[in-house]
């Protein structure tokens, strides 16, 4: 099953925007999603501090700063990498 991960932090307005798009797409596409608070993980801070929010699809970085709904849907409809 495909999975979307949103990496962000509290108080981030771009994260709020990304969350709204991801929630809608995940619901409509029947895809699971999770949200990680980068402040809970120093490794996420080190890796993504300048890019939040970051969107992963199946554990691979898909986008950052903004989530394009059509691009996300296209990524979810493509065969998973390695399949």
PDB file of N, CA and C in Angstrom:
ATOM      1  N   UNK A   1       0.838  -1.187   0.000  1.00  0.00           N
ATOM      2  CA  UNK A   1       0.000   0.000   0.000  1.00  0.00           C
ATOM      3  C   UNK A   1       0.882   1.249   0.000  1.00  0.00           C
ATOM      4  N   UNK A   2       0.491   2.233  -0.765  1.00  0.00           N
ATOM      5  CA  UNK A   2       1.224   3.496  -0.848  1.00  0.00           C
ATOM      6  C   UNK A   2       1.067   4.254   0.462  1.00  0.00           C
ATOM      7  N   UNK A   3       2.081   5.067   0.790  1.00  0.00           N
ATOM      8  CA  UNK A   3       2.029   5.863   2.015  1.00  0.00           C
ATOM      9  C   UNK A   3       2.648   7.229   1.746  1.00  0.00           C
ATOM     10  N   UNK A   4       1.966   8.249   2.246  1.00  0.00           N
ATOM     11  CA  UNK A   4       2.465   9.623   2.184  1.00  0.00           C
ATOM     12  C   UNK A   4       2.929   9.996   3.587  1.00  0.00           C
ATOM     13  N   UNK A   5       4.078  10.651   3.657  1.00  0.00           N
ATOM     14  CA  UNK A   5       4.579  11.168   4.926  1.00  0.00           C
ATOM     15  C   UNK A   5       4.793  12.662   4.776  1.00  0.00           C
ATOM     16  N   UNK A   6       4.282  13.406   5.736  1.00  0.00           N
ATOM     17  CA  UNK A   6       4.482  14.853   5.794  1.00  0.00           C
ATOM     18  C   UNK A   6       5.430  15.137   6.946  1.00  0.00           C
ATOM     19  N   UNK A   7       6.524  15.809   6.668  1.00  0.00           N
ATOM     20  CA  UNK A   7       7.474  16.216   7.700  1.00  0.00           C
ATOM     21  C   UNK A   7       7.361  17.722   7.850  1.00  0.00           C
ATOM     22  N   UNK A   8       7.048  18.159   9.051  1.00  0.00           N
ATOM     23  CA  UNK A   8       6.869  19.588   9.302  1.00  0.00           C
ATOM     24  C   UNK A   8       7.150  19.916  10.750  1.00  0.00           C
ATOM     25  N   UNK A   9       6.607  21.053  11.178  1.00  0.00           N
ATOM     26  CA  UNK A   9       6.749  21.444  12.578  1.00  0.00           C
ATOM     27  C   UNK A   9       5.571  22.337  12.957  1.00  0.00           C
ATOM     28  N   UNK A  10       5.280  22.422  14.243  1.00  0.00           N
ATOM     29  CA  UNK A  10       4.172  23.268  14.692  1.00  0.00           C
ATOM     30  C   UNK A  10       4.394  24.732  14.320  1.00  0.00           C
ATOM     31  N   UNK A  11       3.297  25.412  14.001  1.00  0.00           N
ATOM     32  CA  UNK A  11       3.361  26.835  13.687  1.00  0.00           C
ATOM     33  C   UNK A  11       3.805  27.153  12.275  1.00  0.00           C
ATOM     34  N   UNK A  12       3.953  26.171  11.447  1.00  0.00           N
ATOM     35  CA  UNK A  12       4.410  26.348  10.062  1.00  0.00           C
ATOM     36  C   UNK A  12       3.183  26.454   9.157  1.00  0.00           C
ATOM     37  N   UNK A  13       2.940  27.650   8.600  1.00  0.00           N
ATOM     38  CA  UNK A  13       1.749  27.822   7.758  1.00  0.00           C
ATOM     39  C   UNK A  13       1.828  27.015   6.467  1.00  0.00           C
ATOM     40  N   UNK A  14       3.010  26.832   5.921  1.00  0.00           N
ATOM     41  CA  UNK A  14       3.133  25.991   4.731  1.00  0.00           C
ATOM     42  C   UNK A  14       2.807  24.540   5.057  1.00  0.00           C
ATOM     43  N   UNK A  15       3.136  24.115   6.286  1.00  0.00           N
ATOM     44  CA  UNK A  15       2.805  22.754   6.730  1.00  0.00           C
ATOM     45  C   UNK A  15       1.292  22.589   6.816  1.00  0.00           C
ATOM     46  N   UNK A  16       0.607  23.610   7.298  1.00  0.00           N
ATOM     47  CA  UNK A  16      -0.852  23.570   7.368  1.00  0.00           C
ATOM     48  C   UNK A  16      -1.449  23.427   5.972  1.00  0.00           C
ATOM     49  N   UNK A  17      -0.922  24.177   5.019  1.00  0.00           N
ATOM     50  CA  UNK A  17      -1.398  24.092   3.637  1.00  0.00           C
ATOM     51  C   UNK A  17      -1.141  22.705   3.059  1.00  0.00           C
ATOM     52  N   UNK A  18       0.069  22.183   3.289  1.00  0.00           N
ATOM     53  CA  UNK A  18       0.431  20.858   2.779  1.00  0.00           C
ATOM     54  C   UNK A  18      -0.459  19.789   3.397  1.00  0.00           C
ATOM     55  N   UNK A  19      -0.713  19.889   4.695  1.00  0.00           N
ATOM     56  CA  UNK A  19      -1.559  18.919   5.392  1.00  0.00           C
ATOM     57  C   UNK A  19      -2.959  18.858   4.767  1.00  0.00           C
ATOM     58  N   UNK A  20      -3.516  20.001   4.449  1.00  0.00           N
ATOM     59  CA  UNK A  20      -4.860  20.040   3.861  1.00  0.00           C
ATOM     60  C   UNK A  20      -4.885  19.304   2.519  1.00  0.00           C
ATOM     61  N   UNK A  21      -3.890  19.533   1.692  1.00  0.00           N
ATOM     62  CA  UNK A  21      -3.830  18.860   0.387  1.00  0.00           C
ATOM     63  C   UNK A  21      -3.626  17.360   0.584  1.00  0.00           C
ATOM     64  N   UNK A  22      -2.697  16.987   1.449  1.00  0.00           N
ATOM     65  CA  UNK A  22      -2.404  15.572   1.664  1.00  0.00           C
ATOM     66  C   UNK A  22      -3.611  14.843   2.248  1.00  0.00           C
ATOM     67  N   UNK A  23      -4.276  15.445   3.223  1.00  0.00           N
ATOM     68  CA  UNK A  23      -5.469  14.817   3.797  1.00  0.00           C
ATOM     69  C   UNK A  23      -6.514  14.536   2.714  1.00  0.00           C
ATOM     70  N   UNK A  24      -6.755  15.511   1.852  1.00  0.00           N
ATOM     71  CA  UNK A  24      -7.758  15.364   0.792  1.00  0.00           C
ATOM     72  C   UNK A  24      -7.344  14.275  -0.205  1.00  0.00           C
ATOM     73  N   UNK A  25      -6.116  14.339  -0.687  1.00  0.00           N
ATOM     74  CA  UNK A  25      -5.653  13.372  -1.683  1.00  0.00           C
ATOM     75  C   UNK A  25      -5.639  11.965  -1.081  1.00  0.00           C
ATOM     76  N   UNK A  26      -5.125  11.828   0.126  1.00  0.00           N
ATOM     77  CA  UNK A  26      -5.062  10.510   0.769  1.00  0.00           C
ATOM     78  C   UNK A  26      -6.455   9.916   0.937  1.00  0.00           C
ATOM     79  N   UNK A  27      -7.398  10.729   1.373  1.00  0.00           N
ATOM     80  CA  UNK A  27      -8.773  10.261   1.555  1.00  0.00           C
ATOM     81  C   UNK A  27      -9.371   9.815   0.215  1.00  0.00           C
ATOM     82  N   UNK A  28      -9.220  10.639  -0.809  1.00  0.00           N
ATOM     83  CA  UNK A  28      -9.819  10.339  -2.107  1.00  0.00           C
ATOM     84  C   UNK A  28      -9.148   9.164  -2.813  1.00  0.00           C
ATOM     85  N   UNK A  29      -7.849   8.988  -2.576  1.00  0.00           N
ATOM     86  CA  UNK A  29      -7.103   7.916  -3.236  1.00  0.00           C
ATOM     87  C   UNK A  29      -7.028   6.645  -2.392  1.00  0.00           C
ATOM     88  N   UNK A  30      -7.536   6.697  -1.165  1.00  0.00           N
ATOM     89  CA  UNK A  30      -7.485   5.529  -0.282  1.00  0.00           C
ATOM     90  C   UNK A  30      -6.076   5.173   0.147  1.00  0.00           C
ATOM     91  N   UNK A  31      -5.269   6.206   0.401  1.00  0.00           N
ATOM     92  CA  UNK A  31      -3.859   6.025   0.748  1.00  0.00           C
ATOM     93  C   UNK A  31      -3.650   6.424   2.207  1.00  0.00           C
ATOM     94  N   UNK A  32      -2.808   5.668   2.905  1.00  0.00           N
ATOM     95  CA  UNK A  32      -2.464   6.026   4.275  1.00  0.00           C
ATOM     96  C   UNK A  32      -1.474   7.186   4.273  1.00  0.00           C
ATOM     97  N   UNK A  33      -1.536   7.985   5.342  1.00  0.00           N
ATOM     98  CA  UNK A  33      -0.551   9.060   5.470  1.00  0.00           C
ATOM     99  C   UNK A  33      -0.242   9.254   6.941  1.00  0.00           C
ATOM    100  N   UNK A  34       0.923   9.829   7.195  1.00  0.00           N
ATOM    101  CA  UNK A  34       1.363  10.124   8.547  1.00  0.00           C
ATOM    102  C   UNK A  34       2.056  11.474   8.551  1.00  0.00           C
ATOM    103  N   UNK A  35       2.112  12.065   9.727  1.00  0.00           N
ATOM    104  CA  UNK A  35       2.801  13.353   9.876  1.00  0.00           C
ATOM    105  C   UNK A  35       3.865  13.208  10.953  1.00  0.00           C
ATOM    106  N   UNK A  36       5.063  13.661  10.641  1.00  0.00           N
ATOM    107  CA  UNK A  36       6.170  13.640  11.584  1.00  0.00           C
ATOM    108  C   UNK A  36       6.542  15.066  11.948  1.00  0.00           C
ATOM    109  N   UNK A  37       6.731  15.305  13.248  1.00  0.00           N
ATOM    110  CA  UNK A  37       7.196  16.598  13.731  1.00  0.00           C
ATOM    111  C   UNK A  37       8.718  16.546  13.740  1.00  0.00           C
ATOM    112  N   UNK A  38       9.330  17.337  12.881  1.00  0.00           N
ATOM    113  CA  UNK A  38      10.785  17.280  12.772  1.00  0.00           C
ATOM    114  C   UNK A  38      11.484  17.658  14.071  1.00  0.00           C
ATOM    115  N   UNK A  39      10.823  18.416  14.942  1.00  0.00           N
ATOM    116  CA  UNK A  39      11.433  18.825  16.199  1.00  0.00           C
ATOM    117  C   UNK A  39      11.605  17.653  17.155  1.00  0.00           C
ATOM    118  N   UNK A  40      10.937  16.536  16.877  1.00  0.00           N
ATOM    119  CA  UNK A  40      11.067  15.338  17.696  1.00  0.00           C
ATOM    120  C   UNK A  40      12.248  14.471  17.274  1.00  0.00           C
ATOM    121  N   UNK A  41      12.907  14.829  16.186  1.00  0.00           N
ATOM    122  CA  UNK A  41      13.967  13.975  15.641  1.00  0.00           C
ATOM    123  C   UNK A  41      15.100  14.839  15.096  1.00  0.00           C
ATOM    124  N   UNK A  42      16.235  14.913  15.801  1.00  0.00           N
ATOM    125  CA  UNK A  42      17.356  15.747  15.344  1.00  0.00           C
ATOM    126  C   UNK A  42      17.834  15.405  13.931  1.00  0.00           C
ATOM    127  N   UNK A  43      17.703  14.150  13.531  1.00  0.00           N
ATOM    128  CA  UNK A  43      18.118  13.762  12.184  1.00  0.00           C
ATOM    129  C   UNK A  43      17.232  14.436  11.125  1.00  0.00           C
ATOM    130  N   UNK A  44      15.924  14.509  11.397  1.00  0.00           N
ATOM    131  CA  UNK A  44      15.018  15.192  10.467  1.00  0.00           C
ATOM    132  C   UNK A  44      15.330  16.684  10.401  1.00  0.00           C
ATOM    133  N   UNK A  45      15.660  17.278  11.547  1.00  0.00           N
ATOM    134  CA  UNK A  45      16.038  18.699  11.557  1.00  0.00           C
ATOM    135  C   UNK A  45      17.278  18.907  10.703  1.00  0.00           C
ATOM    136  N   UNK A  46      18.285  18.077  10.904  1.00  0.00           N
ATOM    137  CA  UNK A  46      19.536  18.217  10.156  1.00  0.00           C
ATOM    138  C   UNK A  46      19.313  18.044   8.654  1.00  0.00           C
ATOM    139  N   UNK A  47      18.443  17.133   8.299  1.00  0.00           N
ATOM    140  CA  UNK A  47      18.248  16.822   6.880  1.00  0.00           C
ATOM    141  C   UNK A  47      17.303  17.795   6.172  1.00  0.00           C
ATOM    142  N   UNK A  48      16.230  18.238   6.862  1.00  0.00           N
ATOM    143  CA  UNK A  48      15.170  18.961   6.178  1.00  0.00           C
ATOM    144  C   UNK A  48      14.883  20.367   6.699  1.00  0.00           C
ATOM    145  N   UNK A  49      15.688  20.894   7.579  1.00  0.00           N
ATOM    146  CA  UNK A  49      15.370  22.172   8.243  1.00  0.00           C
ATOM    147  C   UNK A  49      15.020  23.294   7.274  1.00  0.00           C
ATOM    148  N   UNK A  50      15.653  23.349   6.140  1.00  0.00           N
ATOM    149  CA  UNK A  50      15.429  24.438   5.187  1.00  0.00           C
ATOM    150  C   UNK A  50      14.381  24.108   4.134  1.00  0.00           C
ATOM    151  N   UNK A  51      13.771  22.941   4.217  1.00  0.00           N
ATOM    152  CA  UNK A  51      12.853  22.512   3.159  1.00  0.00           C
ATOM    153  C   UNK A  51      11.419  22.295   3.629  1.00  0.00           C
ATOM    154  N   UNK A  52      11.115  22.438   4.892  1.00  0.00           N
ATOM    155  CA  UNK A  52       9.786  22.046   5.363  1.00  0.00           C
ATOM    156  C   UNK A  52       8.694  22.926   4.780  1.00  0.00           C
ATOM    157  N   UNK A  53       7.534  22.353   4.581  1.00  0.00           N
ATOM    158  CA  UNK A  53       7.231  20.947   4.791  1.00  0.00           C
ATOM    159  C   UNK A  53       7.807  20.081   3.675  1.00  0.00           C
ATOM    160  N   UNK A  54       8.145  18.867   4.032  1.00  0.00           N
ATOM    161  CA  UNK A  54       8.662  17.888   3.077  1.00  0.00           C
ATOM    162  C   UNK A  54       7.627  16.784   2.947  1.00  0.00           C
ATOM    163  N   UNK A  55       7.385  16.364   1.725  1.00  0.00           N
ATOM    164  CA  UNK A  55       6.456  15.277   1.456  1.00  0.00           C
ATOM    165  C   UNK A  55       7.239  14.088   0.916  1.00  0.00           C
ATOM    166  N   UNK A  56       7.011  12.929   1.527  1.00  0.00           N
ATOM    167  CA  UNK A  56       7.601  11.681   1.051  1.00  0.00           C
ATOM    168  C   UNK A  56       6.480  10.805   0.517  1.00  0.00           C
ATOM    169  N   UNK A  57       6.759  10.074  -0.531  1.00  0.00           N
ATOM    170  CA  UNK A  57       5.852   9.048  -1.029  1.00  0.00           C
ATOM    171  C   UNK A  57       6.614   7.737  -0.951  1.00  0.00           C
ATOM    172  N   UNK A  58       6.082   6.820  -0.165  1.00  0.00           N
ATOM    173  CA  UNK A  58       6.730   5.522   0.048  1.00  0.00           C
ATOM    174  C   UNK A  58       8.169   5.685   0.542  1.00  0.00           C
ATOM    175  N   UNK A  59       8.381   6.671   1.404  1.00  0.00           N
ATOM    176  CA  UNK A  59       9.694   6.858   2.018  1.00  0.00           C
ATOM    177  C   UNK A  59      10.698   7.636   1.184  1.00  0.00           C
ATOM    178  N   UNK A  60      10.334   8.025  -0.013  1.00  0.00           N
ATOM    179  CA  UNK A  60      11.234   8.791  -0.888  1.00  0.00           C
ATOM    180  C   UNK A  60      10.742  10.229  -0.981  1.00  0.00           C
ATOM    181  N   UNK A  61      11.695  11.159  -0.948  1.00  0.00           N
ATOM    182  CA  UNK A  61      11.298  12.564  -1.018  1.00  0.00           C
ATOM    183  C   UNK A  61      10.585  12.837  -2.336  1.00  0.00           C
ATOM    184  N   UNK A  62       9.413  13.444  -2.196  1.00  0.00           N
ATOM    185  CA  UNK A  62       8.592  13.772  -3.363  1.00  0.00           C
ATOM    186  C   UNK A  62       8.599  15.274  -3.631  1.00  0.00           C
ATOM    187  N   UNK A  63       8.452  16.059  -2.582  1.00  0.00           N
ATOM    188  CA  UNK A  63       8.315  17.507  -2.743  1.00  0.00           C
ATOM    189  C   UNK A  63       8.727  18.209  -1.463  1.00  0.00           C
ATOM    190  N   UNK A  64       8.891  19.523  -1.553  1.00  0.00           N
ATOM    191  CA  UNK A  64       9.107  20.331  -0.361  1.00  0.00           C
ATOM    192  C   UNK A  64       8.531  21.720  -0.597  1.00  0.00           C
ATOM    193  N   UNK A  65       8.315  22.438   0.487  1.00  0.00           N
ATOM    194  CA  UNK A  65       7.690  23.759   0.562  1.00  0.00           C
ATOM    195  C   UNK A  65       6.204  23.736   0.224  1.00  0.00           C
ATOM    196  N   UNK A  66       5.850  23.324  -0.946  1.00  0.00           N
ATOM    197  CA  UNK A  66       4.443  23.298  -1.359  1.00  0.00           C
ATOM    198  C   UNK A  66       4.112  21.925  -1.927  1.00  0.00           C
ATOM    199  N   UNK A  67       2.861  21.525  -1.768  1.00  0.00           N
ATOM    200  CA  UNK A  67       2.403  20.255  -2.317  1.00  0.00           C
ATOM    201  C   UNK A  67       1.464  20.551  -3.474  1.00  0.00           C
ATOM    202  N   UNK A  68       1.839  20.110  -4.642  1.00  0.00           N
ATOM    203  CA  UNK A  68       0.997  20.245  -5.822  1.00  0.00           C
ATOM    204  C   UNK A  68       0.085  19.019  -5.876  1.00  0.00           C
ATOM    205  N   UNK A  69      -1.206  19.250  -5.761  1.00  0.00           N
ATOM    206  CA  UNK A  69      -2.164  18.148  -5.684  1.00  0.00           C
ATOM    207  C   UNK A  69      -2.083  17.225  -6.894  1.00  0.00           C
ATOM    208  N   UNK A  70      -2.022  17.773  -8.084  1.00  0.00           N
ATOM    209  CA  UNK A  70      -1.967  16.939  -9.289  1.00  0.00           C
ATOM    210  C   UNK A  70      -0.685  16.127  -9.356  1.00  0.00           C
ATOM    211  N   UNK A  71       0.416  16.733  -8.979  1.00  0.00           N
ATOM    212  CA  UNK A  71       1.697  16.025  -8.985  1.00  0.00           C
ATOM    213  C   UNK A  71       1.693  14.888  -7.972  1.00  0.00           C
ATOM    214  N   UNK A  72       1.091  15.119  -6.800  1.00  0.00           N
ATOM    215  CA  UNK A  72       0.998  14.080  -5.776  1.00  0.00           C
ATOM    216  C   UNK A  72       0.128  12.934  -6.270  1.00  0.00           C
ATOM    217  N   UNK A  73      -0.998  13.245  -6.872  1.00  0.00           N
ATOM    218  CA  UNK A  73      -1.869  12.186  -7.407  1.00  0.00           C
ATOM    219  C   UNK A  73      -1.139  11.365  -8.470  1.00  0.00           C
ATOM    220  N   UNK A  74      -0.391  12.040  -9.317  1.00  0.00           N
ATOM    221  CA  UNK A  74       0.370  11.337 -10.361  1.00  0.00           C
ATOM    222  C   UNK A  74       1.398  10.395  -9.744  1.00  0.00           C
ATOM    223  N   UNK A  75       2.088  10.856  -8.704  1.00  0.00           N
ATOM    224  CA  UNK A  75       3.083  10.011  -8.033  1.00  0.00           C
ATOM    225  C   UNK A  75       2.415   8.786  -7.407  1.00  0.00           C
ATOM    226  N   UNK A  76       1.229   8.964  -6.867  1.00  0.00           N
ATOM    227  CA  UNK A  76       0.533   7.839  -6.248  1.00  0.00           C
ATOM    228  C   UNK A  76      -0.005   6.850  -7.268  1.00  0.00           C
ATOM    229  N   UNK A  77      -0.273   7.308  -8.478  1.00  0.00           N
ATOM    230  CA  UNK A  77      -0.801   6.408  -9.506  1.00  0.00           C
ATOM    231  C   UNK A  77       0.308   5.668 -10.260  1.00  0.00           C
ATOM    232  N   UNK A  78       1.543   6.132 -10.133  1.00  0.00           N
ATOM    233  CA  UNK A  78       2.667   5.477 -10.790  1.00  0.00           C
ATOM    234  C   UNK A  78       3.025   4.199 -10.022  1.00  0.00           C
ATOM    235  N   UNK A  79       3.567   3.212 -10.715  1.00  0.00           N
ATOM    236  CA  UNK A  79       4.000   1.995  -9.997  1.00  0.00           C
ATOM    237  C   UNK A  79       5.068   2.361  -8.961  1.00  0.00           C
ATOM    238  N   UNK A  80       5.047   1.709  -7.809  1.00  0.00           N
ATOM    239  CA  UNK A  80       6.079   1.984  -6.801  1.00  0.00           C
ATOM    240  C   UNK A  80       7.457   1.671  -7.370  1.00  0.00           C
ATOM    241  N   UNK A  81       8.447   2.439  -6.945  1.00  0.00           N
ATOM    242  CA  UNK A  81       9.817   2.183  -7.404  1.00  0.00           C
ATOM    243  C   UNK A  81      10.250   0.806  -6.943  1.00  0.00           C
ATOM    244  N   UNK A  82      10.930   0.118  -7.820  1.00  0.00           N
ATOM    245  CA  UNK A  82      11.406  -1.217  -7.492  1.00  0.00           C
ATOM    246  C   UNK A  82      10.359  -2.299  -7.725  1.00  0.00           C
ATOM    247  N   UNK A  83       9.173  -1.874  -8.199  1.00  0.00           N
ATOM    248  CA  UNK A  83       8.113  -2.873  -8.440  1.00  0.00           C
ATOM    249  C   UNK A  83       8.170  -3.385  -9.861  1.00  0.00           C
TER     250      UNK A  83
END
